[in-house]
Amino acid sequence: MNEQLKVSSSPHIRDRVTTNNIMLMVVIALLPATFFGIYNFRHENAWVLVVVTTATAVLTEYIYERLMHKPVTIKDCSAVVTGLLLALNLPPTLPVWMGALGSVFAILVVKQLFGGLGQNFMNPALAARCFLLISFTGQMTYFVYDGVTGPTPLAELKAGEAVNSMDMLLGNIRGTIGETSVLAIMVGAMFLLLVGVIDLRIPGTYLLTFVIFITIFGGHGADPQYITAHLCGGGIMLGAWFMATDYVTSPITKSGQIVYGICLGVLTGLFRLFGGSAEGVSYAIIISNLLVPLIEKVTLPKPFGKGGEK
């Protein structure tokens, strides 16, 4: 017999949904933001960075698994998602070799060395982004739009300057390749909601908590312009819909997902309002990823018959 028997306790649930199907739908959902970013930063040849980071992620996974004599899993498209998400979190002017280095770090260090898909303890793309941000701060914080360099709208907002929320909604601003157009991001997010890959629990709780936090501590009260600018600026929308909802690094319990979303909103608010940087989504998600085991331990329902405590 060539096939191994898999023995597990009941109940046995069968579903046609596979990892490959889910990852493929995530890739499709990311295409609006990807294509917009490539067009928006066409003068910086953003498409090259997107292609290189994605290809490097797939190649790194393939080479590692072949060298380790493990089953090759590149067909599940998880490496494609990691490389693409990393590219969307990078400034379009970043040297290509840095993007490739980030992909190697994401796949090799964060994913494969911890056991592969399903074993990584934090989002690989965001971990790689933070690695690059620490290692190459100057290049990772250099932003340009239409040939003009300068701060992002979120940095201008933090400095007390006025910003154009409509430009932030449409994407005619400086930023990373995939974070600029909230409209393009939401098109992809709606697709994931419609096909059932994600639900509103994590992103909804995240965004609602963040809005409440900046309303209380932002110094502008419930100013719609201020709140809208924060929601449309930086990577909060990309992070909330595409990275905070990662199956591997988010809680499996419904109540745990609510707690997780609250942690994300509070941490993002803390980093943005009181931190040295105008952003904070990447660090908020990574820290919350590390809290997931504790969140699940507290919120995991007790087995039937073991609920009576003395």
Protein backbone atom coordinates (compact mmCIF):
# COMPACT_ATOMS: atom_id res chain seq x y z
CA MET A 1 0.00 0.00 0.00
CA ASN A 2 1.39 3.36 -1.04
CA GLU A 3 -1.07 5.45 0.92
CA GLN A 4 -0.83 5.89 4.66
CA LEU A 5 -3.92 5.43 6.77
CA LYS A 6 -4.85 8.53 8.74
CA VAL A 7 -6.48 7.65 12.05
CA SER A 8 -8.31 10.32 14.02
CA SER A 9 -11.14 10.56 16.50
CA SER A 10 -14.69 11.38 15.44
CA PRO A 11 -16.48 13.43 14.26
CA HIS A 12 -15.07 13.27 10.72
CA ILE A 13 -15.89 16.32 8.62
CA ARG A 14 -15.37 16.32 4.88
CA ASP A 15 -15.16 19.53 2.88
CA ARG A 16 -14.17 20.29 -0.68
CA VAL A 17 -12.46 23.50 0.41
CA THR A 18 -8.69 23.08 0.28
CA THR A 19 -5.72 25.23 1.19
CA ASN A 20 -5.06 25.71 -2.50
CA ASN A 21 -8.61 26.98 -3.11
CA ILE A 22 -8.44 29.41 -0.20
CA MET A 23 -5.03 30.78 -1.17
CA LEU A 24 -6.09 31.13 -4.78
CA MET A 25 -9.11 33.19 -3.74
CA VAL A 26 -6.86 35.39 -1.59
CA VAL A 27 -4.60 35.97 -4.60
CA ILE A 28 -7.63 36.92 -6.71
CA ALA A 29 -8.81 39.29 -3.97
CA LEU A 30 -5.40 40.98 -3.89
CA LEU A 31 -5.36 41.63 -7.64
CA PRO A 32 -7.32 44.95 -7.57
CA ALA A 33 -4.86 46.47 -5.06
CA THR A 34 -1.92 44.93 -6.93
CA PHE A 35 -2.92 46.21 -10.36
CA PHE A 36 -3.74 49.64 -8.98
CA GLY A 37 -0.40 49.81 -7.19
CA ILE A 38 1.47 48.79 -10.34
CA TYR A 39 -0.36 51.48 -12.33
CA ASN A 40 -0.09 54.10 -9.59
CA PHE A 41 3.66 53.62 -9.28
CA ARG A 42 4.35 52.75 -12.91
CA HIS A 43 7.14 55.35 -13.10
CA GLU A 44 8.95 53.51 -10.30
CA ASN A 45 8.48 50.12 -12.03
CA ALA A 46 6.59 48.71 -9.08
CA TRP A 47 5.67 45.65 -11.13
CA VAL A 48 9.29 44.48 -11.02
CA LEU A 49 9.25 44.43 -7.22
CA VAL A 50 5.94 42.56 -7.20
CA VAL A 51 7.22 39.90 -9.61
CA VAL A 52 10.58 39.47 -7.86
CA THR A 53 9.24 39.15 -4.30
CA THR A 54 6.53 36.71 -5.36
CA ALA A 55 8.87 34.59 -7.49
CA THR A 56 11.55 34.57 -4.78
CA ALA A 57 9.06 33.40 -2.17
CA VAL A 58 7.97 30.47 -4.35
CA LEU A 59 11.55 29.58 -5.31
CA THR A 60 12.75 29.73 -1.70
CA GLU A 61 10.02 27.35 -0.57
CA TYR A 62 10.76 24.97 -3.46
CA ILE A 63 14.52 24.89 -2.88
CA TYR A 64 14.23 24.46 0.89
CA GLU A 65 11.75 21.60 0.65
CA ARG A 66 13.81 19.82 -2.00
CA LEU A 67 16.99 20.17 0.07
CA MET A 68 15.22 18.93 3.20
CA HIS A 69 13.59 16.05 1.26
CA LYS A 70 10.15 17.28 2.23
CA PRO A 71 7.03 17.25 0.04
CA VAL A 72 7.05 20.27 -2.26
CA THR A 73 4.05 22.45 -1.35
CA ILE A 74 4.35 25.36 -3.77
CA LYS A 75 1.14 24.26 -5.50
CA ASP A 76 -0.90 25.35 -2.47
CA CYS A 77 -0.18 28.99 -3.43
CA SER A 78 0.65 29.99 0.16
CA ALA A 79 4.12 31.17 -0.91
CA VAL A 80 2.53 33.22 -3.69
CA VAL A 81 0.28 34.93 -1.13
CA THR A 82 3.25 35.63 1.15
CA GLY A 83 5.40 37.10 -1.64
CA LEU A 84 2.53 39.18 -3.02
CA LEU A 85 1.53 40.53 0.39
CA LEU A 86 5.12 41.44 1.12
CA ALA A 87 5.37 43.35 -2.17
CA LEU A 88 2.19 45.27 -1.39
CA ASN A 89 3.72 46.33 1.93
CA LEU A 90 6.89 47.72 0.35
CA PRO A 91 7.59 51.20 -1.05
CA PRO A 92 7.82 51.07 -4.87
CA THR A 93 11.34 52.52 -4.88
CA LEU A 94 12.82 49.78 -2.70
CA PRO A 95 15.81 48.07 -4.37
CA VAL A 96 14.74 44.75 -5.85
CA TRP A 97 17.38 42.77 -3.96
CA MET A 98 15.95 43.99 -0.65
CA GLY A 99 12.51 42.76 -1.65
CA ALA A 100 14.03 39.38 -2.57
CA LEU A 101 15.83 39.25 0.79
CA GLY A 102 12.53 39.93 2.53
CA SER A 103 10.89 37.04 0.70
CA VAL A 104 13.69 34.67 1.71
CA PHE A 105 13.33 35.78 5.33
CA ALA A 106 9.53 35.34 5.25
CA ILE A 107 9.57 31.85 3.76
CA LEU A 108 12.77 30.41 5.21
CA VAL A 109 12.97 31.91 8.70
CA VAL A 110 9.37 32.63 9.66
CA LYS A 111 7.59 29.82 7.82
CA GLN A 112 9.75 26.81 6.96
CA LEU A 113 12.08 26.74 9.97
CA PHE A 114 9.01 26.54 12.20
CA GLY A 115 7.50 23.62 10.33
CA GLY A 116 5.92 25.09 7.21
CA LEU A 117 2.37 26.21 6.52
CA GLY A 118 0.22 26.05 9.62
CA GLN A 119 3.17 26.15 12.03
CA ASN A 120 4.36 29.75 11.68
CA PHE A 121 3.63 31.80 14.77
CA MET A 122 3.34 35.16 13.02
CA ASN A 123 2.39 36.48 9.61
CA PRO A 124 5.44 35.84 7.38
CA ALA A 125 4.90 38.85 5.10
CA LEU A 126 4.59 41.30 7.98
CA ALA A 127 7.52 39.73 9.81
CA ALA A 128 9.62 40.25 6.68
CA ARG A 129 8.40 43.84 6.38
CA CYS A 130 9.46 44.58 9.95
CA PHE A 131 12.80 42.86 9.31
CA LEU A 132 13.40 45.10 6.30
CA LEU A 133 12.19 48.17 8.18
CA ILE A 134 14.70 47.56 10.96
CA SER A 135 17.52 46.64 8.58
CA PHE A 136 16.99 49.28 5.88
CA THR A 137 15.04 52.08 7.55
CA GLY A 138 15.99 54.76 5.03
CA GLN A 139 14.88 52.83 1.96
CA MET A 140 11.74 51.49 3.67
CA THR A 141 10.57 54.98 4.63
CA TYR A 142 11.31 56.67 1.30
CA PHE A 143 8.05 57.38 -0.50
CA VAL A 144 7.33 58.96 -3.85
CA TYR A 145 4.25 59.73 -5.93
CA ASP A 146 4.23 61.10 -9.46
CA GLY A 147 7.95 61.77 -9.23
CA VAL A 148 7.73 63.83 -6.04
CA THR A 149 9.13 62.54 -2.77
CA GLY A 150 7.80 63.42 0.65
CA PRO A 151 5.95 62.11 3.70
CA THR A 152 2.86 59.96 3.48
CA PRO A 153 -0.54 61.55 4.25
CA LEU A 154 -0.57 59.66 7.54
CA ALA A 155 2.72 61.28 8.55
CA GLU A 156 1.31 64.68 7.56
CA LEU A 157 -1.79 63.98 9.64
CA LYS A 158 0.37 63.09 12.65
CA ALA A 159 2.24 66.38 12.18
CA GLY A 160 -1.04 68.28 12.35
CA GLU A 161 -1.29 69.08 8.65
CA ALA A 162 -4.45 68.87 6.54
CA VAL A 163 -4.85 65.86 4.22
CA ASN A 164 -7.17 65.05 1.33
CA SER A 165 -9.32 62.09 2.35
CA MET A 166 -10.69 61.60 -1.17
CA ASP A 167 -7.19 61.19 -2.59
CA MET A 168 -6.49 58.69 0.20
CA LEU A 169 -9.66 56.77 -0.65
CA LEU A 170 -8.84 56.60 -4.35
CA GLY A 171 -5.10 56.06 -3.90
CA ASN A 172 -3.54 59.17 -5.42
CA ILE A 173 -1.03 59.42 -2.61
CA ARG A 174 2.41 58.28 -1.47
CA GLY A 175 2.70 54.97 0.31
CA THR A 176 3.50 51.34 -0.20
CA ILE A 177 2.48 49.59 -3.40
CA GLY A 178 -0.72 48.04 -2.10
CA GLU A 179 -1.92 50.28 0.72
CA THR A 180 -2.77 53.48 -1.14
CA SER A 181 -6.18 52.72 -2.66
CA VAL A 182 -8.76 51.85 -0.02
CA LEU A 183 -11.29 51.40 -2.82
CA ALA A 184 -9.20 48.69 -4.50
CA ILE A 185 -8.57 46.97 -1.16
CA MET A 186 -12.28 46.93 -0.33
CA VAL A 187 -13.16 45.38 -3.70
CA GLY A 188 -10.92 42.45 -2.79
CA ALA A 189 -12.22 42.33 0.78
CA MET A 190 -15.83 42.16 -0.41
CA PHE A 191 -14.89 39.25 -2.66
CA LEU A 192 -13.42 37.33 0.28
CA LEU A 193 -16.54 38.03 2.34
CA LEU A 194 -18.85 36.88 -0.45
CA VAL A 195 -17.01 33.59 -1.03
CA GLY A 196 -16.81 32.95 2.71
CA VAL A 197 -13.05 32.95 3.09
CA ILE A 198 -13.26 35.56 5.87
CA ASP A 199 -16.02 37.06 7.97
CA LEU A 200 -16.52 40.42 9.63
CA ARG A 201 -15.59 39.37 13.16
CA ILE A 202 -11.85 40.18 13.17
CA PRO A 203 -11.67 43.14 10.73
CA GLY A 204 -14.92 44.63 12.07
CA THR A 205 -13.79 44.46 15.70
CA TYR A 206 -10.34 45.73 14.73
CA LEU A 207 -11.59 48.80 12.87
CA LEU A 208 -14.35 49.62 15.37
CA THR A 209 -11.93 49.41 18.31
CA PHE A 210 -9.42 51.58 16.46
CA VAL A 211 -12.05 54.23 15.71
CA ILE A 212 -13.17 54.30 19.35
CA PHE A 213 -9.55 54.58 20.50
CA ILE A 214 -8.62 57.52 18.26
CA THR A 215 -11.93 59.22 19.05
CA ILE A 216 -11.10 59.13 22.76
CA PHE A 217 -7.36 59.78 22.63
CA GLY A 218 -6.77 61.46 19.25
CA GLY A 219 -7.59 64.96 20.44
CA HIS A 220 -10.16 65.55 17.67
CA GLY A 221 -13.16 63.87 19.19
CA ALA A 222 -15.56 62.29 16.71
CA ASP A 223 -14.35 64.44 13.81
CA PRO A 224 -15.37 62.49 10.65
CA GLN A 225 -12.52 63.97 8.60
CA TYR A 226 -9.92 62.91 11.15
CA ILE A 227 -11.34 59.41 11.54
CA THR A 228 -11.71 58.92 7.78
CA ALA A 229 -8.13 60.03 7.18
CA HIS A 230 -6.85 57.52 9.74
CA LEU A 231 -8.89 54.71 8.23
CA CYS A 232 -7.79 55.53 4.69
CA GLY A 233 -4.15 56.17 5.58
CA GLY A 234 -1.36 53.67 6.04
CA GLY A 235 -1.85 49.94 5.94
CA ILE A 236 -4.79 49.53 8.30
CA MET A 237 -7.25 48.44 5.62
CA LEU A 238 -4.81 46.05 3.96
CA GLY A 239 -3.83 44.69 7.36
CA ALA A 240 -7.36 44.36 8.73
CA TRP A 241 -8.81 42.48 5.77
CA PHE A 242 -5.87 40.49 4.42
CA MET A 243 -3.33 39.90 7.21
CA ALA A 244 -5.14 40.04 10.54
CA THR A 245 -7.54 37.40 9.17
CA ASP A 246 -4.78 34.90 8.38
CA TYR A 247 -6.09 31.48 9.45
CA VAL A 248 -2.78 30.31 10.88
CA THR A 249 -1.97 33.30 13.08
CA SER A 250 -5.45 34.32 14.27
CA PRO A 251 -7.63 32.67 16.97
CA ILE A 252 -10.00 29.86 16.05
CA THR A 253 -12.60 30.65 18.72
CA LYS A 254 -15.28 33.24 18.00
CA SER A 255 -14.83 35.04 21.32
CA GLY A 256 -11.06 34.84 20.84
CA GLN A 257 -11.38 36.58 17.48
CA ILE A 258 -13.24 39.43 19.17
CA VAL A 259 -10.50 39.77 21.80
CA TYR A 260 -7.90 39.56 19.04
CA GLY A 261 -9.61 42.37 17.10
CA ILE A 262 -9.73 44.54 20.21
CA CYS A 263 -6.00 43.98 20.80
CA LEU A 264 -5.27 44.96 17.20
CA GLY A 265 -7.31 48.16 17.42
CA VAL A 266 -5.81 49.27 20.73
CA LEU A 267 -2.23 48.52 19.70
CA THR A 268 -2.60 50.26 16.34
CA GLY A 269 -4.04 53.30 18.09
CA LEU A 270 -1.22 53.32 20.63
CA PHE A 271 1.48 53.10 17.97
CA ARG A 272 -0.10 55.74 15.73
CA LEU A 273 -0.96 58.31 18.37
CA PHE A 274 1.83 57.87 20.90
CA GLY A 275 4.60 56.12 18.98
CA GLY A 276 7.44 57.64 17.04
CA SER A 277 6.08 56.47 13.68
CA ALA A 278 2.86 57.49 11.97
CA GLU A 279 2.10 53.84 11.17
CA GLY A 280 1.83 50.85 13.49
CA VAL A 281 -0.30 48.20 11.80
CA SER A 282 2.55 45.75 11.15
CA TYR A 283 3.76 45.76 14.74
CA ALA A 284 0.21 45.61 16.09
CA ILE A 285 -0.57 42.49 14.05
CA ILE A 286 2.70 40.76 14.90
CA ILE A 287 2.32 41.42 18.65
CA SER A 288 -1.29 40.22 18.50
CA ASN A 289 -0.11 37.09 16.64
CA LEU A 290 2.14 36.33 19.61
CA LEU A 291 -0.81 36.74 21.98
CA VAL A 292 -3.00 34.24 20.08
CA PRO A 293 -2.00 31.15 22.14
CA LEU A 294 -2.93 33.00 25.34
CA ILE A 295 -6.17 34.31 23.82
CA GLU A 296 -7.18 30.82 22.71
CA LYS A 297 -6.30 29.32 26.09
CA VAL A 298 -8.60 31.79 27.83
CA THR A 299 -11.46 31.63 25.31
CA LEU A 300 -11.40 27.93 24.37
CA PRO A 301 -14.73 26.35 25.37
CA LYS A 302 -14.58 23.57 27.92
CA PRO A 303 -15.37 20.03 26.78
CA PHE A 304 -18.88 18.79 27.51
CA GLY A 305 -19.11 17.42 31.01
CA LYS A 306 -16.10 19.32 32.31
CA GLY A 307 -17.69 22.69 32.94
CA GLY A 308 -18.50 22.24 36.59
CA GLU A 309 -15.81 23.94 38.63
CA LYS A 310 -15.65 23.93 42.39
